[in-house]
Protein backbone atom coordinates (compact mmCIF):
# COMPACT_ATOMS: atom_id res chain seq x y z
CA MET A 1 22.19 -20.78 -16.07
CA THR A 2 19.13 -21.67 -13.31
CA THR A 3 20.25 -24.20 -11.36
CA THR A 4 17.71 -27.15 -10.20
CA PRO A 5 17.64 -28.23 -6.82
CA ASP A 6 18.84 -31.56 -5.59
CA PRO A 7 15.63 -33.95 -5.95
CA LEU A 8 15.10 -34.86 -1.98
CA ILE A 9 15.25 -31.07 -1.21
CA CYS A 10 12.05 -30.47 -3.46
CA ASP A 11 10.73 -33.28 -1.80
CA LEU A 12 11.39 -32.19 1.48
CA VAL A 13 9.88 -28.49 0.72
CA GLU A 14 6.92 -29.78 -1.06
CA TRP A 15 6.56 -31.78 2.06
CA LEU A 16 6.79 -28.69 4.77
CA ALA A 17 4.78 -26.73 2.36
CA ALA A 18 1.70 -28.90 2.72
CA ALA A 19 2.31 -27.96 6.63
CA PRO A 20 4.57 -26.82 9.36
CA ARG A 21 6.58 -29.34 10.99
CA THR A 22 7.75 -30.12 14.31
CA ARG A 23 11.93 -30.72 14.64
CA ALA A 24 10.85 -34.19 16.00
CA GLU A 25 8.80 -35.11 12.89
CA VAL A 26 11.16 -33.48 9.97
CA VAL A 27 14.39 -35.67 11.36
CA GLU A 28 12.42 -38.59 12.07
CA ALA A 29 10.98 -38.33 8.43
CA TRP A 30 14.26 -36.91 6.46
CA ARG A 31 17.11 -39.10 9.18
CA SER A 32 19.38 -41.33 7.39
CA SER A 33 22.69 -43.51 8.48
CA CYS A 34 24.55 -41.97 5.99
CA PRO A 35 26.39 -39.14 7.10
CA ARG A 36 26.81 -37.77 4.30
CA LEU A 37 23.40 -37.12 3.68
CA THR A 38 22.31 -34.11 5.28
CA ILE A 39 19.41 -32.99 3.33
CA ILE A 40 17.83 -30.88 5.94
CA GLU A 41 21.13 -28.87 5.95
CA ASP A 42 21.69 -28.53 2.97
CA ALA A 43 18.05 -27.67 2.47
CA MET A 44 18.49 -24.94 5.46
CA GLU A 45 21.93 -23.51 3.81
CA GLY A 46 20.30 -23.50 0.33
CA GLY A 47 17.87 -20.91 1.81
CA SER A 48 14.88 -23.45 1.30
CA ILE A 49 13.70 -24.00 4.39
CA GLU A 50 13.78 -22.13 7.85
CA ARG A 51 13.64 -22.80 11.47
CA ALA A 52 11.08 -20.80 12.81
CA GLY A 53 10.78 -21.29 16.69
CA ALA A 54 9.92 -25.64 17.28
CA ALA A 55 9.02 -25.87 13.72
CA PHE A 56 10.27 -26.04 10.39
CA ALA A 57 8.84 -24.22 7.23
CA PRO A 58 9.81 -23.27 3.47
CA THR A 59 10.75 -19.95 3.29
CA PRO A 60 9.31 -17.51 0.93
CA ALA A 61 12.04 -19.42 -1.63
CA GLY A 62 10.63 -22.99 -0.58
CA ARG A 63 7.65 -22.06 -0.93
CA ALA A 64 7.73 -20.55 -4.93
CA LEU A 65 10.05 -23.61 -5.62
CA ALA A 66 6.55 -25.88 -4.29
CA GLY A 67 4.47 -23.59 -6.29
CA GLN A 68 7.04 -24.20 -9.48
CA LEU A 69 6.69 -27.63 -8.71
CA ARG A 70 2.89 -28.29 -8.50
CA ALA A 71 2.85 -26.17 -11.54
CA ALA A 72 5.08 -28.20 -13.52
CA ARG A 73 3.20 -31.31 -12.22
CA ARG A 74 -0.16 -30.01 -13.95
CA GLU A 75 1.39 -28.86 -16.87
CA ALA A 76 2.98 -32.51 -17.49
């Protein structure tokens, strides 16, 4: 069975696939006042994104996910 990532994780991965972003940019764009919404941490734990020095970027699995999402949009 294949699990579909959370839609917010998909959005985050696609956003990072466009260009690596600094930690400040990621936190500013994806912050939440809800302590239970930990999308950045969830994406990292799920292996979709990683911190590379001072920037966040998609992992190889994250880049593959972004590619699948783009392909699905083209087919729709």
